[in-house]
Amino acid sequence: MTDTSRDTRSTRPSESEIRKTSAAPAAPVETQGNGHRTSPSQDGKSVGVLVKQASEQLSDLVRSELRLAQAEMAAKGKRAGLGGGFFGGAGLMALLALQALVAGGIAAIALKLPVWAAALIMAGGLLLLAAGLALLGRMETRKVTPLKPEEAISGVKTDVERIKERAHR
């Protein structure tokens, strides 16, 4: 015969287990001036105060990310402006050199043909070269990604992910 009292004792939780699993006493409920009931958080702040703080912190975060984006774009603009100036100077020098080469080419062709024919031949060659360069330029400008403040965008995405993580806890 089996001892049923022993089986009952082995399945019944001990007193310490009961204390561990019992619910904590409910937090006291406060009433705001508008009649809404709120319960304090773990550090004693009401939900309304926590929501207000979160809203203020989010506003501060957005403002700081916008300042970062503005500073980043200003720095990129300065570098692009300086680089553009150097390219402009190089372009001017190349134009002067090209004019000298064209004059030399016309003079060379004029040794065998009349000067007007030499000038027309050189102009036709330059127009073909210009058309080829224009097509290359068009292809390259289509590949350009739009200018955007990448660090600020990355920071905002990280912040949003962190907020989502903490909101789901």
Protein backbone atom coordinates (compact mmCIF):
# COMPACT_ATOMS: atom_id res chain seq x y z
CA MET A 1 0.00 0.00 0.00
CA THR A 2 1.29 3.50 -0.86
CA ASP A 3 1.43 6.35 1.56
CA THR A 4 -0.80 9.09 0.06
CA SER A 5 0.10 11.70 2.64
CA ARG A 6 3.72 11.57 1.49
CA ASP A 7 2.71 12.14 -2.15
CA THR A 8 0.62 15.14 -1.14
CA ARG A 9 3.52 16.72 0.72
CA SER A 10 5.90 16.33 -2.23
CA THR A 11 3.55 18.14 -4.65
CA ARG A 12 2.54 20.92 -2.30
CA PRO A 13 4.76 24.06 -2.55
CA SER A 14 6.80 25.01 0.44
CA GLU A 15 6.16 28.14 2.43
CA SER A 16 9.22 29.90 0.93
CA GLU A 17 8.02 29.09 -2.61
CA ILE A 18 4.64 30.57 -1.80
CA ARG A 19 6.30 33.80 -0.61
CA LYS A 20 8.36 34.03 -3.83
CA THR A 21 5.40 33.64 -6.15
CA SER A 22 2.92 35.77 -4.27
CA ALA A 23 2.05 39.03 -5.93
CA ALA A 24 3.70 42.17 -4.66
CA PRO A 25 1.36 44.58 -2.94
CA ALA A 26 -0.33 46.90 -5.41
CA ALA A 27 1.18 50.34 -5.83
CA PRO A 28 -0.86 53.11 -4.28
CA VAL A 29 -3.06 54.94 -6.73
CA GLU A 30 -2.77 58.70 -7.00
CA THR A 31 -5.29 61.06 -8.49
CA GLN A 32 -4.19 64.02 -10.58
CA GLY A 33 -5.97 67.35 -10.50
CA ASN A 34 -7.89 66.42 -13.65
CA GLY A 35 -9.42 63.35 -11.99
CA HIS A 36 -7.32 60.77 -13.86
CA ARG A 37 -5.89 58.01 -11.74
CA THR A 38 -2.19 57.31 -12.07
CA SER A 39 0.07 54.88 -10.31
CA PRO A 40 3.62 55.86 -9.49
CA SER A 41 6.53 54.22 -11.28
CA GLN A 42 9.32 52.38 -9.50
CA ASP A 43 11.13 55.63 -8.69
CA GLY A 44 7.96 57.32 -7.46
CA LYS A 45 7.09 59.38 -10.57
CA SER A 46 3.62 59.21 -12.05
CA VAL A 47 3.00 58.03 -15.59
CA GLY A 48 2.03 61.54 -16.66
CA VAL A 49 5.34 62.95 -15.42
CA LEU A 50 7.26 60.16 -17.18
CA VAL A 51 5.40 60.78 -20.45
CA LYS A 52 6.13 64.51 -20.16
CA GLN A 53 9.84 63.80 -19.55
CA ALA A 54 9.97 61.38 -22.49
CA SER A 55 8.35 63.99 -24.74
CA GLU A 56 10.84 66.65 -23.67
CA GLN A 57 13.78 64.29 -24.13
CA LEU A 58 12.54 63.29 -27.57
CA SER A 59 12.21 66.96 -28.56
CA ASP A 60 15.74 67.65 -27.33
CA LEU A 61 17.02 64.62 -29.22
CA VAL A 62 15.37 65.72 -32.48
CA ARG A 63 16.75 69.26 -32.09
CA SER A 64 20.28 67.99 -31.46
CA GLU A 65 20.09 65.65 -34.47
CA LEU A 66 18.95 68.57 -36.63
CA ARG A 67 21.88 70.68 -35.37
CA LEU A 68 24.23 67.81 -36.21
CA ALA A 69 22.74 67.52 -39.71
CA GLN A 70 23.09 71.28 -40.24
CA ALA A 71 26.72 71.29 -39.09
CA GLU A 72 27.52 68.24 -41.23
CA MET A 73 25.98 69.80 -44.35
CA ALA A 74 27.80 73.11 -43.72
CA ALA A 75 31.14 71.29 -43.52
CA LYS A 76 30.36 69.33 -46.69
CA GLY A 77 29.30 72.54 -48.43
CA LYS A 78 32.57 74.26 -47.56
CA ARG A 79 34.62 71.34 -48.85
CA ALA A 80 32.55 71.11 -52.02
CA GLY A 81 32.90 74.86 -52.62
CA LEU A 82 36.68 74.75 -52.24
CA GLY A 83 36.93 71.70 -54.50
CA GLY A 84 34.70 73.40 -57.07
CA GLY A 85 36.97 76.45 -57.06
CA PHE A 86 40.01 74.31 -57.75
CA PHE A 87 38.17 72.50 -60.54
CA GLY A 88 37.20 75.88 -62.01
CA GLY A 89 40.84 77.02 -62.02
CA ALA A 90 41.94 73.76 -63.61
CA GLY A 91 39.20 74.09 -66.23
CA LEU A 92 40.33 77.61 -67.13
CA MET A 93 43.94 76.48 -67.57
CA ALA A 94 42.81 73.52 -69.67
CA LEU A 95 40.73 75.85 -71.85
CA LEU A 96 43.74 78.10 -72.50
CA ALA A 97 45.87 75.06 -73.34
CA LEU A 98 43.16 73.73 -75.63
CA GLN A 99 42.99 77.06 -77.47
CA ALA A 100 46.73 76.92 -78.08
CA LEU A 101 46.46 73.34 -79.33
CA VAL A 102 43.57 74.22 -81.64
CA ALA A 103 45.56 77.13 -83.10
CA GLY A 104 48.53 74.81 -83.61
CA GLY A 105 46.31 72.16 -85.22
CA ILE A 106 44.77 74.68 -87.58
CA ALA A 107 48.25 75.94 -88.53
CA ALA A 108 49.42 72.37 -89.20
CA ILE A 109 46.41 71.51 -91.37
CA ALA A 110 46.77 74.87 -93.17
CA LEU A 111 50.10 73.69 -94.56
CA LYS A 112 48.21 71.33 -96.90
CA LEU A 113 44.73 72.99 -97.13
CA PRO A 114 43.43 76.55 -97.12
CA VAL A 115 43.16 78.09 -93.62
CA TRP A 116 39.34 78.18 -93.72
CA ALA A 117 39.17 74.42 -94.43
CA ALA A 118 41.67 73.68 -91.66
CA ALA A 119 39.55 75.73 -89.20
CA LEU A 120 36.35 73.86 -90.20
CA ILE A 121 38.01 70.46 -89.80
CA MET A 122 39.32 71.39 -86.34
CA ALA A 123 35.90 72.79 -85.28
CA GLY A 124 34.16 69.57 -86.39
CA GLY A 125 36.60 67.46 -84.38
CA LEU A 126 36.09 69.65 -81.30
CA LEU A 127 32.30 69.38 -81.60
CA LEU A 128 32.52 65.57 -81.73
CA LEU A 129 34.75 65.60 -78.65
CA ALA A 130 32.32 67.92 -76.83
CA ALA A 131 29.38 65.62 -77.63
CA GLY A 132 31.24 62.57 -76.29
CA LEU A 133 32.20 64.37 -73.09
CA ALA A 134 28.62 65.58 -72.60
CA LEU A 135 27.33 62.00 -72.83
CA LEU A 136 29.92 60.79 -70.32
CA GLY A 137 29.04 63.62 -67.97
CA ARG A 138 25.34 62.82 -68.20
CA MET A 139 25.97 59.16 -67.37
CA GLU A 140 28.12 60.05 -64.37
CA THR A 141 25.72 62.61 -62.92
CA ARG A 142 22.91 60.04 -62.97
CA LYS A 143 25.03 57.79 -60.74
CA VAL A 144 25.48 60.47 -58.07
CA THR A 145 23.69 59.74 -54.83
CA PRO A 146 21.75 62.65 -53.35
CA LEU A 147 23.57 64.79 -50.83
CA LYS A 148 22.31 63.95 -47.38
CA PRO A 149 23.61 64.16 -43.81
CA GLU A 150 24.49 60.47 -43.40
CA GLU A 151 25.74 60.66 -39.79
CA ALA A 152 22.61 62.45 -38.60
CA ILE A 153 20.34 60.00 -40.40
CA SER A 154 22.24 57.08 -38.91
CA GLY A 155 21.98 58.64 -35.45
CA VAL A 156 18.22 59.15 -35.79
CA LYS A 157 17.73 55.56 -36.96
CA THR A 158 19.74 54.30 -33.98
CA ASP A 159 17.72 56.47 -31.60
CA VAL A 160 14.42 55.23 -33.04
CA GLU A 161 15.53 51.61 -32.70
CA ARG A 162 16.53 52.18 -29.06
CA ILE A 163 13.21 53.85 -28.29
CA LYS A 164 11.33 50.96 -29.91
CA GLU A 165 13.37 48.43 -27.90
CA ARG A 166 12.69 50.18 -24.62
CA ALA A 167 9.03 50.68 -25.42
CA HIS A 168 8.54 46.95 -25.93
CA ARG A 169 10.12 45.99 -22.61
